[in-house]
Amino acid sequence: WIINAVGMLHTSTQMPEKSITQVDADFFHKTMAVNVLSTLFLARYFLNNFKGSDCPRFVALSARVGSIEDNQLGGWYSYRASKAALNMVLKTFSHEWRRKKPDGCVVAMHPGTVDTQLTEPFKKNVPPEKLFSSNHSVHQMLEVIRRLSSGQSGQFLAYDGSSIPW
């Protein structure tokens, strides 16, 4: 299994954009590089390492805010665009894996809102029952990953196994 948990929402000097007037090209490019290119190159690098595996899995943490259909609030341009792009990369990669690794599964996975540095500036707006510890989120995602089948490859799933619209 490969589980890519790399992600960037903000930096010490730049918060997510609330308005299109706040979009900064350098921040946008950095967000894309961290959230999309890291996964693309990780998949490329490790593709051949799955030879002989009877349960190949490639999972990358995405975010519900990367769902184009589920976008109800707007804002966070760089992060939303990067996660939507990540989802497309994973969907595209899943088609290649179907041909090369028919027993494999590639999925985008939303870990929930997890109490980490990524969510620190925003967690005051999250109800306590919706803010997960890292251990809780990881445990739930591992249970979902263990149960994945090749027929689920190319899906966008939440930590509880529910499907998220693209």
N, C-alpha and C. Protein backbone atom coordinates (compact mmCIF):
# COMPACT_ATOMS: atom_id res chain seq x y z
N TRP A 1 0.84 -1.18 0.00
CA TRP A 1 0.00 0.00 0.00
C TRP A 1 0.88 1.25 0.00
N ILE A 2 0.40 2.26 -0.68
CA ILE A 2 0.97 3.61 -0.58
C ILE A 2 -0.17 4.51 -0.15
N ILE A 3 0.06 5.25 0.93
CA ILE A 3 -0.92 6.23 1.40
C ILE A 3 -0.20 7.57 1.47
N ASN A 4 -0.58 8.49 0.60
CA ASN A 4 0.05 9.80 0.56
C ASN A 4 -0.79 10.77 1.38
N ALA A 5 -0.21 11.25 2.47
CA ALA A 5 -0.92 12.17 3.36
C ALA A 5 -0.38 13.59 3.25
N VAL A 6 0.38 13.89 2.20
CA VAL A 6 0.93 15.23 2.01
C VAL A 6 -0.20 16.18 1.67
N GLY A 7 -0.19 17.35 2.26
CA GLY A 7 -1.19 18.34 1.93
C GLY A 7 -0.85 19.70 2.51
N MET A 8 -1.27 20.74 1.81
CA MET A 8 -1.03 22.11 2.26
C MET A 8 -2.29 22.94 2.03
N LEU A 9 -2.75 23.58 3.07
CA LEU A 9 -3.89 24.49 2.99
C LEU A 9 -3.43 25.94 3.14
N HIS A 10 -2.45 26.12 4.00
CA HIS A 10 -1.94 27.47 4.29
C HIS A 10 -0.48 27.36 4.69
N THR A 11 0.17 28.51 4.78
CA THR A 11 1.54 28.57 5.28
C THR A 11 1.55 29.53 6.47
N SER A 12 2.70 29.74 7.03
CA SER A 12 2.80 30.67 8.17
C SER A 12 2.53 32.11 7.74
N THR A 13 2.64 32.37 6.44
CA THR A 13 2.44 33.74 5.95
C THR A 13 1.24 33.91 5.04
N GLN A 14 0.59 32.84 4.65
CA GLN A 14 -0.52 32.93 3.69
C GLN A 14 -1.66 32.01 4.11
N MET A 15 -2.84 32.58 4.28
CA MET A 15 -4.03 31.80 4.61
C MET A 15 -4.82 31.55 3.33
N PRO A 16 -5.76 30.61 3.34
CA PRO A 16 -6.58 30.37 2.15
C PRO A 16 -7.35 31.64 1.76
N GLU A 17 -7.53 31.80 0.48
CA GLU A 17 -8.20 32.98 -0.04
C GLU A 17 -9.69 32.94 0.25
N LYS A 18 -10.21 34.04 0.78
CA LYS A 18 -11.66 34.16 0.99
C LYS A 18 -12.33 34.79 -0.22
N SER A 19 -11.53 35.46 -1.05
CA SER A 19 -12.05 36.16 -2.21
C SER A 19 -11.08 35.97 -3.37
N ILE A 20 -11.60 36.04 -4.58
CA ILE A 20 -10.75 35.92 -5.76
C ILE A 20 -9.71 37.05 -5.80
N THR A 21 -10.00 38.16 -5.15
CA THR A 21 -9.05 39.27 -5.11
C THR A 21 -7.81 38.95 -4.28
N GLN A 22 -7.84 37.89 -3.50
CA GLN A 22 -6.71 37.49 -2.67
C GLN A 22 -5.83 36.43 -3.33
N VAL A 23 -6.21 35.95 -4.51
CA VAL A 23 -5.44 34.90 -5.18
C VAL A 23 -4.05 35.43 -5.53
N ASP A 24 -3.04 34.68 -5.12
CA ASP A 24 -1.65 35.02 -5.37
C ASP A 24 -1.03 33.89 -6.20
N ALA A 25 -0.41 34.23 -7.31
CA ALA A 25 0.12 33.22 -8.24
C ALA A 25 1.15 32.31 -7.57
N ASP A 26 2.05 32.85 -6.79
CA ASP A 26 3.08 32.02 -6.16
C ASP A 26 2.46 31.03 -5.17
N PHE A 27 1.51 31.50 -4.38
CA PHE A 27 0.84 30.62 -3.42
C PHE A 27 0.04 29.54 -4.15
N PHE A 28 -0.64 29.93 -5.23
CA PHE A 28 -1.41 28.98 -6.02
C PHE A 28 -0.49 27.89 -6.58
N HIS A 29 0.63 28.28 -7.16
CA HIS A 29 1.57 27.31 -7.73
C HIS A 29 2.15 26.40 -6.65
N LYS A 30 2.49 26.95 -5.50
CA LYS A 30 3.03 26.14 -4.41
C LYS A 30 1.98 25.12 -3.92
N THR A 31 0.74 25.56 -3.79
CA THR A 31 -0.33 24.67 -3.36
C THR A 31 -0.52 23.54 -4.36
N MET A 32 -0.50 23.86 -5.64
CA MET A 32 -0.61 22.84 -6.68
C MET A 32 0.56 21.86 -6.62
N ALA A 33 1.76 22.37 -6.45
CA ALA A 33 2.93 21.50 -6.40
C ALA A 33 2.86 20.54 -5.22
N VAL A 34 2.50 21.05 -4.06
CA VAL A 34 2.45 20.19 -2.87
C VAL A 34 1.29 19.21 -2.97
N ASN A 35 0.10 19.68 -3.32
CA ASN A 35 -1.10 18.85 -3.26
C ASN A 35 -1.32 17.96 -4.47
N VAL A 36 -0.71 18.28 -5.60
CA VAL A 36 -0.95 17.49 -6.81
C VAL A 36 0.32 16.80 -7.31
N LEU A 37 1.35 17.57 -7.55
CA LEU A 37 2.56 16.98 -8.13
C LEU A 37 3.21 15.94 -7.23
N SER A 38 3.15 16.14 -5.93
CA SER A 38 3.76 15.14 -5.03
C SER A 38 3.10 13.78 -5.23
N THR A 39 1.80 13.75 -5.37
CA THR A 39 1.07 12.49 -5.58
C THR A 39 1.38 11.91 -6.95
N LEU A 40 1.40 12.75 -7.95
CA LEU A 40 1.69 12.30 -9.32
C LEU A 40 3.06 11.63 -9.39
N PHE A 41 4.06 12.26 -8.81
CA PHE A 41 5.40 11.69 -8.86
C PHE A 41 5.56 10.49 -7.93
N LEU A 42 4.86 10.47 -6.82
CA LEU A 42 4.88 9.31 -5.94
C LEU A 42 4.31 8.09 -6.67
N ALA A 43 3.20 8.29 -7.36
CA ALA A 43 2.59 7.20 -8.13
C ALA A 43 3.54 6.72 -9.23
N ARG A 44 4.14 7.66 -9.91
CA ARG A 44 5.07 7.31 -10.99
C ARG A 44 6.27 6.53 -10.45
N TYR A 45 6.83 6.99 -9.35
CA TYR A 45 8.01 6.38 -8.79
C TYR A 45 7.75 4.96 -8.28
N PHE A 46 6.62 4.75 -7.63
CA PHE A 46 6.34 3.47 -6.99
C PHE A 46 5.53 2.49 -7.83
N LEU A 47 5.15 2.87 -9.03
CA LEU A 47 4.30 2.03 -9.86
C LEU A 47 4.82 0.59 -9.96
N ASN A 48 6.09 0.43 -10.23
CA ASN A 48 6.65 -0.91 -10.41
C ASN A 48 6.89 -1.66 -9.10
N ASN A 49 6.81 -0.99 -7.98
CA ASN A 49 7.01 -1.64 -6.69
C ASN A 49 5.84 -2.53 -6.28
N PHE A 50 4.76 -2.47 -7.02
CA PHE A 50 3.59 -3.28 -6.69
C PHE A 50 3.56 -4.61 -7.41
N LYS A 51 4.61 -4.91 -8.17
CA LYS A 51 4.66 -6.20 -8.87
C LYS A 51 4.57 -7.33 -7.85
N GLY A 52 3.71 -8.27 -8.12
CA GLY A 52 3.56 -9.42 -7.22
C GLY A 52 2.64 -9.17 -6.03
N SER A 53 2.19 -7.95 -5.83
CA SER A 53 1.30 -7.67 -4.71
C SER A 53 -0.09 -8.23 -5.02
N ASP A 54 -0.69 -8.89 -4.03
CA ASP A 54 -2.05 -9.40 -4.23
C ASP A 54 -3.10 -8.39 -3.74
N CYS A 55 -2.64 -7.25 -3.23
CA CYS A 55 -3.58 -6.25 -2.70
C CYS A 55 -3.01 -4.84 -2.90
N PRO A 56 -2.66 -4.47 -4.15
CA PRO A 56 -2.09 -3.14 -4.34
C PRO A 56 -3.12 -2.03 -4.11
N ARG A 57 -2.71 -1.06 -3.31
CA ARG A 57 -3.57 0.08 -2.99
C ARG A 57 -2.75 1.35 -3.10
N PHE A 58 -3.31 2.35 -3.77
CA PHE A 58 -2.70 3.68 -3.81
C PHE A 58 -3.78 4.65 -3.37
N VAL A 59 -3.55 5.28 -2.24
CA VAL A 59 -4.53 6.19 -1.64
C VAL A 59 -3.86 7.54 -1.42
N ALA A 60 -4.54 8.59 -1.76
CA ALA A 60 -4.05 9.93 -1.46
C ALA A 60 -5.13 10.69 -0.71
N LEU A 61 -4.71 11.39 0.33
CA LEU A 61 -5.68 12.18 1.08
C LEU A 61 -6.07 13.40 0.26
N SER A 62 -7.35 13.53 0.06
CA SER A 62 -7.91 14.67 -0.63
C SER A 62 -8.70 15.46 0.40
N ALA A 63 -9.71 16.16 -0.02
CA ALA A 63 -10.55 16.93 0.90
C ALA A 63 -11.92 17.10 0.26
N ARG A 64 -12.94 17.04 1.08
CA ARG A 64 -14.30 17.23 0.58
C ARG A 64 -14.42 18.55 -0.18
N VAL A 65 -13.66 19.57 0.23
CA VAL A 65 -13.75 20.86 -0.45
C VAL A 65 -13.19 20.80 -1.87
N GLY A 66 -12.57 19.68 -2.25
CA GLY A 66 -12.12 19.48 -3.62
C GLY A 66 -13.21 18.95 -4.52
N SER A 67 -14.37 18.66 -3.96
CA SER A 67 -15.51 18.21 -4.76
C SER A 67 -16.13 19.41 -5.46
N ILE A 68 -16.17 19.37 -6.77
CA ILE A 68 -16.77 20.47 -7.53
C ILE A 68 -18.27 20.54 -7.25
N GLU A 69 -18.91 19.38 -7.22
CA GLU A 69 -20.36 19.32 -7.01
C GLU A 69 -20.76 19.76 -5.60
N ASP A 70 -19.91 19.49 -4.62
CA ASP A 70 -20.25 19.74 -3.22
C ASP A 70 -19.83 21.14 -2.74
N ASN A 71 -19.30 21.97 -3.63
CA ASN A 71 -18.82 23.30 -3.24
C ASN A 71 -20.02 24.22 -2.98
N GLN A 72 -20.29 24.44 -1.72
CA GLN A 72 -21.44 25.28 -1.34
C GLN A 72 -21.03 26.65 -0.81
N LEU A 73 -19.72 26.83 -0.54
CA LEU A 73 -19.28 28.05 0.13
C LEU A 73 -18.36 28.94 -0.70
N GLY A 74 -17.67 28.39 -1.69
CA GLY A 74 -16.69 29.17 -2.43
C GLY A 74 -15.45 29.42 -1.60
N GLY A 75 -14.62 30.35 -2.06
CA GLY A 75 -13.38 30.66 -1.35
C GLY A 75 -12.35 29.54 -1.44
N TRP A 76 -11.25 29.72 -0.76
CA TRP A 76 -10.16 28.75 -0.69
C TRP A 76 -9.76 28.29 -2.10
N TYR A 77 -9.60 29.24 -3.00
CA TYR A 77 -9.37 28.95 -4.42
C TYR A 77 -8.21 28.00 -4.66
N SER A 78 -7.06 28.29 -4.09
CA SER A 78 -5.88 27.46 -4.35
C SER A 78 -6.07 26.04 -3.83
N TYR A 79 -6.57 25.93 -2.61
CA TYR A 79 -6.75 24.61 -2.00
C TYR A 79 -7.82 23.80 -2.74
N ARG A 80 -8.97 24.41 -2.99
CA ARG A 80 -10.04 23.71 -3.70
C ARG A 80 -9.59 23.26 -5.09
N ALA A 81 -8.92 24.16 -5.82
CA ALA A 81 -8.46 23.83 -7.17
C ALA A 81 -7.41 22.71 -7.12
N SER A 82 -6.53 22.76 -6.13
CA SER A 82 -5.50 21.73 -6.05
C SER A 82 -6.09 20.37 -5.68
N LYS A 83 -7.07 20.34 -4.82
CA LYS A 83 -7.69 19.07 -4.45
C LYS A 83 -8.57 18.53 -5.58
N ALA A 84 -9.22 19.42 -6.32
CA ALA A 84 -9.98 18.97 -7.50
C ALA A 84 -9.01 18.39 -8.54
N ALA A 85 -7.86 19.04 -8.72
CA ALA A 85 -6.85 18.53 -9.65
C ALA A 85 -6.29 17.20 -9.16
N LEU A 86 -6.05 17.09 -7.86
CA LEU A 86 -5.58 15.82 -7.29
C LEU A 86 -6.59 14.72 -7.57
N ASN A 87 -7.86 15.01 -7.39
CA ASN A 87 -8.90 14.02 -7.64
C ASN A 87 -8.88 13.55 -9.09
N MET A 88 -8.66 14.47 -10.02
CA MET A 88 -8.59 14.10 -11.44
C MET A 88 -7.35 13.25 -11.71
N VAL A 89 -6.23 13.59 -11.11
CA VAL A 89 -5.01 12.78 -11.27
C VAL A 89 -5.27 11.36 -10.79
N LEU A 90 -5.90 11.22 -9.64
CA LEU A 90 -6.18 9.89 -9.09
C LEU A 90 -7.18 9.12 -9.95
N LYS A 91 -8.20 9.81 -10.43
CA LYS A 91 -9.18 9.17 -11.31
C LYS A 91 -8.49 8.69 -12.59
N THR A 92 -7.64 9.51 -13.16
CA THR A 92 -6.91 9.15 -14.37
C THR A 92 -5.95 7.99 -14.11
N PHE A 93 -5.22 8.06 -13.00
CA PHE A 93 -4.29 6.99 -12.64
C PHE A 93 -5.02 5.68 -12.41
N SER A 94 -6.24 5.75 -11.89
CA SER A 94 -7.00 4.52 -11.63
C SER A 94 -7.27 3.76 -12.93
N HIS A 95 -7.47 4.48 -14.03
CA HIS A 95 -7.70 3.81 -15.33
C HIS A 95 -6.43 3.09 -15.79
N GLU A 96 -5.29 3.71 -15.59
CA GLU A 96 -4.03 3.06 -15.95
C GLU A 96 -3.81 1.81 -15.09
N TRP A 97 -4.10 1.93 -13.81
CA TRP A 97 -3.94 0.77 -12.93
C TRP A 97 -4.86 -0.37 -13.30
N ARG A 98 -6.06 -0.08 -13.75
CA ARG A 98 -6.99 -1.16 -14.15
C ARG A 98 -6.37 -2.04 -15.22
N ARG A 99 -5.61 -1.42 -16.12
CA ARG A 99 -4.95 -2.20 -17.17
C ARG A 99 -3.71 -2.92 -16.66
N LYS A 100 -2.94 -2.26 -15.81
CA LYS A 100 -1.66 -2.81 -15.36
C LYS A 100 -1.78 -3.66 -14.10
N LYS A 101 -2.70 -3.32 -13.23
CA LYS A 101 -2.88 -4.01 -11.95
C LYS A 101 -4.36 -4.21 -11.70
N PRO A 102 -4.96 -5.19 -12.38
CA PRO A 102 -6.42 -5.37 -12.30
C PRO A 102 -6.94 -5.61 -10.88
N ASP A 103 -6.10 -6.11 -9.98
CA ASP A 103 -6.53 -6.33 -8.59
C ASP A 103 -6.31 -5.10 -7.72
N GLY A 104 -5.75 -4.05 -8.31
CA GLY A 104 -5.40 -2.86 -7.55
C GLY A 104 -6.55 -1.90 -7.37
N CYS A 105 -6.31 -0.91 -6.53
CA CYS A 105 -7.32 0.09 -6.24
C CYS A 105 -6.63 1.43 -5.96
N VAL A 106 -7.08 2.45 -6.66
CA VAL A 106 -6.60 3.82 -6.48
C VAL A 106 -7.79 4.65 -6.03
N VAL A 107 -7.66 5.32 -4.89
CA VAL A 107 -8.76 6.16 -4.41
C VAL A 107 -8.25 7.47 -3.83
N ALA A 108 -9.10 8.49 -3.92
CA ALA A 108 -8.94 9.74 -3.20
C ALA A 108 -9.74 9.56 -1.91
N MET A 109 -9.17 10.00 -0.80
CA MET A 109 -9.87 9.80 0.47
C MET A 109 -9.87 11.08 1.31
N HIS A 110 -11.05 11.43 1.77
CA HIS A 110 -11.23 12.57 2.68
C HIS A 110 -11.14 12.05 4.11
N PRO A 111 -10.16 12.55 4.90
CA PRO A 111 -9.96 12.02 6.25
C PRO A 111 -10.91 12.58 7.30
N GLY A 112 -11.80 13.49 6.90
CA GLY A 112 -12.60 14.21 7.88
C GLY A 112 -11.82 15.45 8.30
N THR A 113 -12.39 16.21 9.20
CA THR A 113 -11.67 17.36 9.75
C THR A 113 -10.86 16.85 10.93
N VAL A 114 -9.55 16.86 10.76
CA VAL A 114 -8.64 16.26 11.73
C VAL A 114 -7.89 17.36 12.48
N ASP A 115 -7.76 17.18 13.76
CA ASP A 115 -7.10 18.17 14.63
C ASP A 115 -5.59 18.12 14.39
N THR A 116 -5.15 18.90 13.39
CA THR A 116 -3.73 18.98 13.02
C THR A 116 -3.36 20.43 12.78
N GLN A 117 -2.09 20.67 12.44
CA GLN A 117 -1.66 22.03 12.11
C GLN A 117 -2.42 22.57 10.90
N LEU A 118 -2.80 21.69 9.98
CA LEU A 118 -3.53 22.11 8.79
C LEU A 118 -4.86 22.77 9.16
N THR A 119 -5.55 22.21 10.15
CA THR A 119 -6.87 22.73 10.53
C THR A 119 -6.84 23.68 11.72
N GLU A 120 -5.69 23.85 12.34
CA GLU A 120 -5.58 24.65 13.56
C GLU A 120 -6.28 26.02 13.46
N PRO A 121 -6.05 26.81 12.41
CA PRO A 121 -6.68 28.13 12.37
C PRO A 121 -8.20 28.10 12.19
N PHE A 122 -8.76 26.95 11.86
CA PHE A 122 -10.17 26.87 11.50
C PHE A 122 -11.00 26.02 12.46
N LYS A 123 -10.36 25.34 13.40
CA LYS A 123 -11.09 24.35 14.19
C LYS A 123 -12.10 24.94 15.16
N LYS A 124 -11.98 26.22 15.47
CA LYS A 124 -12.97 26.85 16.35
C LYS A 124 -14.36 26.86 15.71
N ASN A 125 -14.40 26.74 14.38
CA ASN A 125 -15.67 26.71 13.65
C ASN A 125 -16.22 25.30 13.45
N VAL A 126 -15.51 24.31 13.97
CA VAL A 126 -15.91 22.91 13.77
C VAL A 126 -16.53 22.37 15.05
N PRO A 127 -17.74 21.82 14.97
CA PRO A 127 -18.34 21.22 16.18
C PRO A 127 -17.42 20.11 16.72
N PRO A 128 -17.30 19.99 18.03
CA PRO A 128 -16.38 19.02 18.62
C PRO A 128 -16.56 17.59 18.10
N GLU A 129 -17.80 17.18 17.83
CA GLU A 129 -18.04 15.82 17.36
C GLU A 129 -17.60 15.63 15.91
N LYS A 130 -17.31 16.72 15.20
CA LYS A 130 -16.86 16.64 13.80
C LYS A 130 -15.35 16.85 13.67
N LEU A 131 -14.67 17.13 14.79
CA LEU A 131 -13.22 17.32 14.79
C LEU A 131 -12.57 16.04 15.32
N PHE A 132 -11.89 15.32 14.43
CA PHE A 132 -11.34 14.01 14.78
C PHE A 132 -9.88 14.11 15.21
N SER A 133 -9.50 13.22 16.10
CA SER A 133 -8.08 13.06 16.40
C SER A 133 -7.43 12.34 15.21
N SER A 134 -6.13 12.48 15.09
CA SER A 134 -5.41 11.77 14.02
C SER A 134 -5.63 10.27 14.13
N ASN A 135 -5.55 9.75 15.35
CA ASN A 135 -5.72 8.31 15.54
C ASN A 135 -7.10 7.84 15.08
N HIS A 136 -8.12 8.58 15.42
CA HIS A 136 -9.48 8.21 15.03
C HIS A 136 -9.61 8.19 13.50
N SER A 137 -9.14 9.25 12.86
CA SER A 137 -9.23 9.35 11.41
C SER A 137 -8.45 8.22 10.73
N VAL A 138 -7.23 8.00 11.17
CA VAL A 138 -6.40 6.95 10.57
C VAL A 138 -7.05 5.59 10.75
N HIS A 139 -7.55 5.30 11.94
CA HIS A 139 -8.20 4.01 12.19
C HIS A 139 -9.37 3.80 11.23
N GLN A 140 -10.20 4.82 11.08
CA GLN A 140 -11.36 4.69 10.19
C GLN A 140 -10.92 4.50 8.74
N MET A 141 -9.93 5.29 8.30
CA MET A 141 -9.49 5.16 6.91
C MET A 141 -8.85 3.81 6.65
N LEU A 142 -8.08 3.29 7.60
CA LEU A 142 -7.46 1.97 7.41
C LEU A 142 -8.52 0.88 7.27
N GLU A 143 -9.60 0.99 8.02
CA GLU A 143 -10.69 0.02 7.89
C GLU A 143 -11.29 0.08 6.48
N VAL A 144 -11.46 1.29 5.95
CA VAL A 144 -12.00 1.44 4.59
C VAL A 144 -11.02 0.87 3.58
N ILE A 145 -9.74 1.18 3.73
CA ILE A 145 -8.72 0.70 2.78
C ILE A 145 -8.64 -0.82 2.79
N ARG A 146 -8.74 -1.43 3.96
CA ARG A 146 -8.69 -2.90 4.07
C ARG A 146 -9.84 -3.54 3.28
N ARG A 147 -10.98 -2.88 3.23
CA ARG A 147 -12.16 -3.45 2.58
C ARG A 147 -12.28 -3.08 1.10
N LEU A 148 -11.39 -2.26 0.59
CA LEU A 148 -11.49 -1.83 -0.81
C LEU A 148 -11.40 -3.00 -1.75
N SER A 149 -12.13 -2.89 -2.85
CA SER A 149 -12.04 -3.88 -3.91
C SER A 149 -11.60 -3.17 -5.19
N SER A 150 -11.13 -3.93 -6.13
CA SER A 150 -10.68 -3.33 -7.39
C SER A 150 -11.83 -2.58 -8.08
N GLY A 151 -13.06 -3.00 -7.85
CA GLY A 151 -14.21 -2.32 -8.44
C GLY A 151 -14.43 -0.91 -7.90
N GLN A 152 -13.78 -0.58 -6.78
CA GLN A 152 -13.91 0.76 -6.20
C GLN A 152 -12.82 1.71 -6.69
N SER A 153 -11.90 1.19 -7.48
CA SER A 153 -10.81 2.03 -7.97
C SER A 153 -11.37 3.22 -8.73
N GLY A 154 -10.78 4.38 -8.48
CA GLY A 154 -11.23 5.60 -9.15
C GLY A 154 -12.29 6.36 -8.38
N GLN A 155 -12.58 5.95 -7.15
CA GLN A 155 -13.62 6.63 -6.38
C GLN A 155 -13.02 7.67 -5.43
N PHE A 156 -13.89 8.55 -4.97
CA PHE A 156 -13.57 9.57 -3.98
C PHE A 156 -14.37 9.19 -2.74
N LEU A 157 -13.69 8.77 -1.68
CA LEU A 157 -14.35 8.23 -0.50
C LEU A 157 -14.05 9.05 0.75
N ALA A 158 -14.98 9.04 1.67
CA ALA A 158 -14.78 9.66 2.98
C ALA A 158 -14.19 8.63 3.93
N TYR A 159 -13.71 9.10 5.06
CA TYR A 159 -13.12 8.27 6.10
C TYR A 159 -14.02 7.12 6.53
N ASP A 160 -15.31 7.25 6.36
CA ASP A 160 -16.25 6.22 6.77
C ASP A 160 -16.66 5.29 5.62
N GLY A 161 -16.05 5.51 4.46
CA GLY A 161 -16.35 4.66 3.29
C GLY A 161 -17.45 5.20 2.40
N SER A 162 -18.11 6.26 2.82
CA SER A 162 -19.17 6.82 1.99
C SER A 162 -18.56 7.51 0.77
N SER A 163 -19.31 7.53 -0.30
CA SER A 163 -18.86 8.12 -1.56
C SER A 163 -19.08 9.62 -1.55
N ILE A 164 -18.11 10.35 -2.08
CA ILE A 164 -18.21 11.80 -2.19
C ILE A 164 -18.32 12.13 -3.68
N PRO A 165 -19.23 13.02 -4.06
CA PRO A 165 -19.34 13.38 -5.48
C PRO A 165 -18.09 14.11 -5.96
N TRP A 166 -17.75 13.86 -7.22
CA TRP A 166 -16.58 14.54 -7.78
C TRP A 166 -16.88 16.00 -7.95
